[in-house]
N, C-alpha and C. Protein backbone atom coordinates (compact mmCIF):
# COMPACT_ATOMS: atom_id res chain seq x y z
N UNK A 1 -94.51 33.18 49.93
CA UNK A 1 -95.60 32.81 49.67
C UNK A 1 -96.04 31.02 49.92
N UNK A 2 -97.16 30.68 50.45
CA UNK A 2 -97.14 29.32 50.69
C UNK A 2 -96.97 28.34 49.55
N UNK A 3 -96.86 27.06 50.16
CA UNK A 3 -96.00 25.90 49.43
C UNK A 3 -97.49 25.36 48.97
N UNK A 4 -98.51 26.20 48.78
CA UNK A 4 -99.71 25.53 48.14
C UNK A 4 -100.12 26.19 47.26
N UNK A 5 -100.50 25.87 46.26
CA UNK A 5 -100.88 26.42 44.92
C UNK A 5 -102.36 25.95 44.69
N UNK A 6 -102.75 27.03 43.90
CA UNK A 6 -104.07 27.27 43.75
C UNK A 6 -104.77 27.51 42.07
N UNK A 7 -105.34 26.22 42.06
CA UNK A 7 -105.59 26.00 40.38
C UNK A 7 -107.03 26.43 40.51
N UNK A 8 -107.28 27.63 39.07
CA UNK A 8 -108.25 28.53 38.91
C UNK A 8 -108.82 28.84 37.70
N UNK A 9 -109.71 29.29 37.39
CA UNK A 9 -109.87 29.04 36.19
C UNK A 9 -108.90 30.68 35.72
N UNK A 10 -108.96 30.67 34.48
CA UNK A 10 -107.93 31.84 33.75
C UNK A 10 -108.85 33.18 33.81
N UNK A 11 -109.65 32.82 33.92
CA UNK A 11 -110.75 34.09 34.16
C UNK A 11 -110.21 35.27 35.80
N UNK A 12 -109.88 34.63 36.29
CA UNK A 12 -109.36 34.77 37.88
C UNK A 12 -107.86 35.18 38.19
N UNK A 13 -107.72 36.33 38.30
CA UNK A 13 -106.53 36.89 38.92
C UNK A 13 -105.67 37.18 40.35
N UNK A 14 -104.58 36.89 40.56
CA UNK A 14 -104.84 36.64 42.32
C UNK A 14 -103.33 37.42 42.41
N UNK A 15 -103.59 38.30 43.30
CA UNK A 15 -102.49 39.86 43.60
C UNK A 15 -102.69 40.25 44.93
N UNK A 16 -100.98 40.03 44.94
CA UNK A 16 -100.80 40.35 46.25
C UNK A 16 -99.85 41.98 46.56
N UNK A 17 -100.68 42.61 47.36
CA UNK A 17 -99.94 44.09 47.80
C UNK A 17 -99.73 43.85 49.08
N UNK A 18 -98.28 44.77 48.85
CA UNK A 18 -97.29 44.56 50.19
C UNK A 18 -96.70 46.16 49.88
N UNK A 19 -97.21 47.00 50.52
CA UNK A 19 -96.41 48.57 51.02
C UNK A 19 -96.67 48.82 49.83
N UNK A 20 -95.81 49.53 48.79
CA UNK A 20 -95.86 50.04 47.55
C UNK A 20 -96.65 49.27 45.97
N UNK A 21 -95.84 48.28 46.50
CA UNK A 21 -96.04 47.07 45.26
C UNK A 21 -97.01 46.36 45.12
N UNK A 22 -97.58 45.93 44.21
CA UNK A 22 -98.08 44.86 43.72
C UNK A 22 -97.57 44.04 42.87
N UNK A 23 -98.10 42.43 43.56
CA UNK A 23 -97.58 41.44 42.81
C UNK A 23 -98.35 40.21 42.22
N UNK A 24 -98.46 40.58 40.67
CA UNK A 24 -99.41 39.90 40.10
C UNK A 24 -98.86 38.50 39.81
N UNK A 25 -99.96 37.63 39.86
CA UNK A 25 -99.37 36.44 39.89
C UNK A 25 -100.11 35.18 39.00
N UNK A 26 -99.28 35.26 37.55
CA UNK A 26 -99.81 34.79 37.03
C UNK A 26 -99.80 33.09 36.33
N UNK A 27 -99.03 32.77 37.31
CA UNK A 27 -99.43 31.21 37.38
C UNK A 27 -98.05 30.45 35.91
N UNK A 28 -98.49 29.22 36.10
CA UNK A 28 -97.03 28.76 35.71
C UNK A 28 -97.60 27.72 34.11
N UNK A 29 -99.05 27.48 34.74
CA UNK A 29 -99.55 26.62 33.00
C UNK A 29 -101.13 26.40 33.42
N UNK A 30 -101.02 25.74 32.46
CA UNK A 30 -102.96 25.86 32.03
C UNK A 30 -103.49 24.26 32.71
N UNK A 31 -104.52 24.05 33.63
CA UNK A 31 -104.33 22.26 34.20
C UNK A 31 -105.15 21.91 33.37
N UNK A 32 -106.60 22.61 32.90
CA UNK A 32 -107.62 21.91 32.01
C UNK A 32 -108.31 23.01 31.29
N UNK A 33 -108.00 23.18 29.33
CA UNK A 33 -108.62 24.50 28.43
C UNK A 33 -109.34 22.89 27.68
N UNK A 34 -110.79 23.04 28.61
CA UNK A 34 -111.87 22.46 28.01
C UNK A 34 -112.31 23.02 26.14
N UNK A 35 -112.16 23.85 25.85
CA UNK A 35 -112.57 24.89 24.69
C UNK A 35 -111.06 24.87 24.06
N UNK A 36 -109.79 24.62 24.19
CA UNK A 36 -108.60 24.53 23.26
C UNK A 36 -108.66 25.50 23.06
N UNK A 37 -109.21 26.79 23.60
CA UNK A 37 -108.91 28.26 23.28
C UNK A 37 -107.04 28.76 23.59
N UNK A 38 -106.25 29.38 23.18
CA UNK A 38 -105.43 29.45 22.62
C UNK A 38 -105.51 30.66 24.26
N UNK A 39 -103.93 30.51 24.90
CA UNK A 39 -104.09 31.30 26.34
C UNK A 39 -102.80 31.89 26.47
N UNK A 40 -102.01 32.81 27.13
CA UNK A 40 -101.43 33.07 27.58
C UNK A 40 -101.41 33.60 28.75
N UNK A 41 -100.04 33.49 29.50
CA UNK A 41 -100.12 33.40 31.13
C UNK A 41 -99.51 34.94 31.17
N UNK A 42 -98.83 35.58 30.29
CA UNK A 42 -98.56 36.97 30.40
C UNK A 42 -99.49 38.07 31.02
N UNK A 43 -99.22 38.60 32.01
CA UNK A 43 -100.26 39.40 32.49
C UNK A 43 -101.16 40.44 31.28
N UNK A 44 -99.89 41.24 30.96
CA UNK A 44 -100.95 42.35 29.77
C UNK A 44 -101.85 41.69 29.14
N UNK A 45 -101.27 40.57 28.86
CA UNK A 45 -102.34 39.79 27.54
C UNK A 45 -103.30 39.28 28.48
N UNK A 46 -103.41 38.59 29.38
CA UNK A 46 -104.81 38.31 29.80
C UNK A 46 -105.24 39.31 30.29
N UNK A 47 -104.98 40.67 30.85
CA UNK A 47 -105.78 41.10 31.29
C UNK A 47 -106.50 42.11 29.66
N UNK A 48 -105.74 41.93 28.74
CA UNK A 48 -106.26 42.65 27.23
C UNK A 48 -107.37 42.02 27.02
N UNK A 49 -107.42 41.10 26.74
CA UNK A 49 -108.59 40.30 26.35
C UNK A 49 -109.69 40.42 26.82
N UNK A 50 -109.58 40.57 28.21
CA UNK A 50 -111.07 41.60 29.12
C UNK A 50 -111.27 42.66 28.88
N UNK A 51 -110.30 43.36 28.14
CA UNK A 51 -110.30 44.80 28.04
C UNK A 51 -109.88 45.68 29.45
N UNK A 52 -108.87 44.85 29.89
CA UNK A 52 -108.40 45.42 31.05
C UNK A 52 -106.40 46.03 31.25
N UNK A 53 -106.46 46.61 31.90
CA UNK A 53 -104.55 46.45 32.05
C UNK A 53 -104.29 46.07 33.57
N UNK A 54 -103.38 45.91 33.95
CA UNK A 54 -102.54 45.81 35.21
C UNK A 54 -103.15 46.73 35.55
N UNK A 55 -102.44 48.37 35.58
CA UNK A 55 -102.81 49.38 36.14
C UNK A 55 -103.97 49.69 36.54
N UNK A 56 -105.27 49.58 35.45
CA UNK A 56 -106.72 49.59 36.05
C UNK A 56 -107.27 48.66 36.94
N UNK A 57 -106.60 47.45 37.02
CA UNK A 57 -106.92 46.62 37.82
C UNK A 57 -106.27 47.28 39.56
N UNK A 58 -105.16 47.22 39.30
CA UNK A 58 -104.73 48.25 40.65
C UNK A 58 -105.47 49.26 41.54
N UNK A 59 -105.88 50.32 40.19
CA UNK A 59 -106.58 51.22 40.66
C UNK A 59 -108.21 50.49 41.46
N UNK A 60 -108.27 49.49 40.79
CA UNK A 60 -109.87 49.28 41.27
C UNK A 60 -109.98 48.67 42.76
N UNK A 61 -108.58 47.72 42.96
CA UNK A 61 -108.33 47.19 44.37
C UNK A 61 -108.11 48.15 45.02
N UNK A 62 -107.43 49.48 44.93
CA UNK A 62 -106.85 50.42 45.76
C UNK A 62 -108.70 50.92 46.11
N UNK A 63 -109.59 51.37 45.18
CA UNK A 63 -111.06 51.80 45.60
C UNK A 63 -111.67 50.81 46.51
N UNK A 64 -110.98 49.22 46.18
CA UNK A 64 -112.13 48.77 46.79
C UNK A 64 -111.87 48.63 48.46
N UNK A 65 -110.57 48.72 48.86
CA UNK A 65 -110.48 48.81 50.49
C UNK A 65 -109.43 50.19 50.81
N UNK A 66 -108.98 50.66 49.41
CA UNK A 66 -107.81 51.88 50.26
C UNK A 66 -106.33 51.31 50.08
N UNK A 67 -106.37 50.40 49.34
CA UNK A 67 -104.80 49.30 48.84
C UNK A 67 -104.42 48.91 49.79
N UNK A 68 -105.22 48.55 50.76
CA UNK A 68 -104.71 47.60 52.17
C UNK A 68 -103.44 46.01 51.62
N UNK A 69 -102.56 46.31 52.47
CA UNK A 69 -101.59 45.31 52.46
C UNK A 69 -102.59 43.51 51.98
N UNK A 70 -102.16 42.70 51.38
CA UNK A 70 -102.70 41.55 51.27
C UNK A 70 -102.94 40.41 49.84
N UNK A 71 -103.91 39.85 50.03
CA UNK A 71 -104.00 39.39 48.71
C UNK A 71 -105.55 39.96 48.19
N UNK A 72 -105.41 39.61 47.04
CA UNK A 72 -107.06 40.37 46.31
C UNK A 72 -107.15 39.35 45.13
N UNK A 73 -108.48 39.45 44.84
CA UNK A 73 -108.90 38.37 43.62
C UNK A 73 -109.69 39.50 42.67
N UNK A 74 -109.43 39.51 41.14
CA UNK A 74 -109.70 39.65 40.61
C UNK A 74 -110.62 38.47 39.62
N UNK A 75 -111.94 39.00 39.09
CA UNK A 75 -112.69 38.32 38.03
C UNK A 75 -112.53 39.04 36.82
N UNK A 76 -111.62 39.18 36.28
CA UNK A 76 -111.44 39.33 35.13
C UNK A 76 -112.60 39.39 33.99
N UNK A 77 -113.31 38.50 33.81
CA UNK A 77 -114.66 38.45 33.11
C UNK A 77 -115.57 39.43 33.20
N UNK A 78 -116.23 39.10 34.86
CA UNK A 78 -117.21 40.27 35.21
C UNK A 78 -116.78 41.54 35.70
N UNK A 79 -115.19 41.35 35.62
CA UNK A 79 -114.61 42.53 36.12
C UNK A 79 -115.73 42.84 38.11
N UNK A 80 -115.27 41.75 38.76
CA UNK A 80 -115.37 42.03 40.14
C UNK A 80 -114.03 42.03 40.77
N UNK A 81 -114.00 42.72 41.52
CA UNK A 81 -112.94 42.51 42.53
C UNK A 81 -113.25 42.03 43.80
N UNK A 82 -112.28 41.34 44.72
CA UNK A 82 -112.24 40.76 46.23
C UNK A 82 -110.95 40.89 46.64
N UNK A 83 -111.29 41.69 48.32
CA UNK A 83 -110.20 41.58 48.88
C UNK A 83 -110.55 40.41 49.90
N UNK A 84 -109.13 39.72 49.57
CA UNK A 84 -109.21 38.28 50.60
C UNK A 84 -108.59 38.15 51.98
N UNK A 85 -107.39 38.76 52.01
CA UNK A 85 -106.91 39.22 53.42
C UNK A 85 -105.34 38.82 53.19
N UNK A 86 -104.85 38.42 54.67
CA UNK A 86 -103.88 38.78 54.52
C UNK A 86 -102.45 37.52 54.44
N UNK A 87 -103.55 36.38 54.54
CA UNK A 87 -102.71 35.42 53.91
C UNK A 87 -102.98 34.30 52.87
N UNK A 88 -102.35 33.60 52.50
CA UNK A 88 -102.24 32.38 51.41
C UNK A 88 -103.66 31.81 51.43
N UNK A 89 -103.77 31.26 52.44
CA UNK A 89 -104.96 30.57 52.61
C UNK A 89 -106.63 31.50 52.60
N UNK A 90 -106.57 32.63 52.60
CA UNK A 90 -107.57 33.21 52.46
C UNK A 90 -108.05 33.62 51.31
N UNK A 91 -106.88 33.39 50.07
CA UNK A 91 -107.50 33.41 48.71
C UNK A 91 -108.23 31.85 48.41
N UNK A 92 -108.13 30.77 48.69
CA UNK A 92 -108.42 29.87 48.58
C UNK A 92 -110.06 29.58 49.35
N UNK A 93 -110.04 30.30 50.67
CA UNK A 93 -111.50 30.53 50.91
C UNK A 93 -112.84 31.89 50.44
N UNK A 94 -111.85 32.70 49.65
CA UNK A 94 -112.53 33.14 48.87
C UNK A 94 -113.09 32.65 47.85
N UNK A 95 -112.03 32.28 47.06
CA UNK A 95 -112.75 31.09 46.29
C UNK A 95 -113.72 30.25 46.50
N UNK A 96 -113.68 29.55 47.76
CA UNK A 96 -114.71 28.75 47.67
C UNK A 96 -116.01 29.73 47.97
N UNK A 97 -115.88 30.44 48.66
CA UNK A 97 -117.23 31.36 49.24
C UNK A 97 -117.99 31.86 47.49
N UNK A 98 -116.86 31.78 46.63
CA UNK A 98 -117.30 31.95 45.28
C UNK A 98 -118.38 31.14 44.48
N UNK A 99 -118.00 29.54 44.75
CA UNK A 99 -118.47 28.84 44.32
C UNK A 99 -117.44 27.98 44.40
N UNK A 100 -116.09 28.03 44.63
CA UNK A 100 -115.41 27.10 43.31
C UNK A 100 -115.10 26.03 44.65
N UNK A 101 -115.98 25.30 45.30
CA UNK A 101 -116.00 24.14 45.96
C UNK A 101 -115.04 23.16 45.34
N UNK A 102 -115.20 22.49 44.66
CA UNK A 102 -114.69 21.75 44.41
C UNK A 102 -113.04 20.83 44.95
N UNK A 103 -112.73 20.12 45.42
CA UNK A 103 -111.52 19.49 45.72
C UNK A 103 -110.03 19.45 45.15
N UNK A 104 -110.81 19.34 43.86
CA UNK A 104 -109.64 19.39 42.58
C UNK A 104 -109.14 21.10 42.52
N UNK A 105 -109.48 21.87 43.10
CA UNK A 105 -109.12 23.33 42.70
C UNK A 105 -107.67 23.54 43.48
N UNK A 106 -107.80 22.51 44.72
CA UNK A 106 -106.64 22.97 44.99
C UNK A 106 -105.35 21.74 45.08
N UNK A 107 -103.75 22.42 45.02
CA UNK A 107 -102.82 21.28 45.40
C UNK A 107 -101.59 21.84 45.53
N UNK A 108 -101.54 20.77 46.61
CA UNK A 108 -99.77 21.51 47.01
C UNK A 108 -98.91 20.80 46.01
N UNK A 109 -98.19 21.52 45.95
CA UNK A 109 -96.70 22.27 44.93
C UNK A 109 -95.77 22.60 45.78
N UNK A 110 -94.10 21.90 45.51
CA UNK A 110 -93.24 22.77 45.96
C UNK A 110 -92.64 23.62 45.74
N UNK A 111 -92.36 23.61 44.09
CA UNK A 111 -92.19 24.80 43.49
C UNK A 111 -93.31 25.96 43.42
N UNK A 112 -92.71 27.28 43.59
CA UNK A 112 -93.52 28.60 43.34
C UNK A 112 -92.83 29.32 41.74
N UNK A 113 -93.83 29.73 41.22
CA UNK A 113 -94.05 30.55 40.57
C UNK A 113 -93.61 32.27 40.23
N UNK A 114 -92.67 32.29 39.05
CA UNK A 114 -92.13 33.87 39.45
C UNK A 114 -93.31 35.37 39.58
N UNK A 115 -93.17 36.27 40.11
CA UNK A 115 -94.06 37.34 40.77
C UNK A 115 -93.54 38.13 39.71
N UNK A 116 -94.85 38.93 39.05
CA UNK A 116 -94.82 40.14 38.41
C UNK A 116 -95.04 41.20 38.94
N UNK A 117 -93.78 42.23 38.64
CA UNK A 117 -94.34 43.40 39.85
C UNK A 117 -94.36 44.34 39.16
N UNK A 118 -95.74 45.40 39.88
CA UNK A 118 -95.50 46.74 39.40
C UNK A 118 -95.31 47.32 40.61
N UNK A 119 -94.72 48.62 40.73
CA UNK A 119 -94.82 49.74 41.58
C UNK A 119 -96.06 50.71 41.76
N UNK A 120 -96.47 51.11 42.58
CA UNK A 120 -97.58 52.40 42.62
C UNK A 120 -96.52 53.36 43.43
N UNK A 121 -97.09 54.44 42.91
CA UNK A 121 -96.54 55.50 43.24
C UNK A 121 -96.71 56.14 44.02
């Protein structure tokens, strides 16, 4: 992964697909929580909050374009799914196209967050 982290709303989920593995990127912390809502970074809890599961999200991504390798973006709130492209910068571009244009959404960081992985069969 690149050294650029993307700050985005909690209802977005970034996923990377490579061969037979889906890598869910949960993030390392909450940047801004204006409603002070309790937030869990655990993938299963985040998905369950919107009535979804990681497996259901993988199915939607696969339906989107046959499970092509690269980065995907899920809007958990509206249950909309997007294929971003093969590069990390494609995620930033997709968020900008969705209206997330603030320069404060993107911040360079040197450390990386661990990835949660699910293997497709």
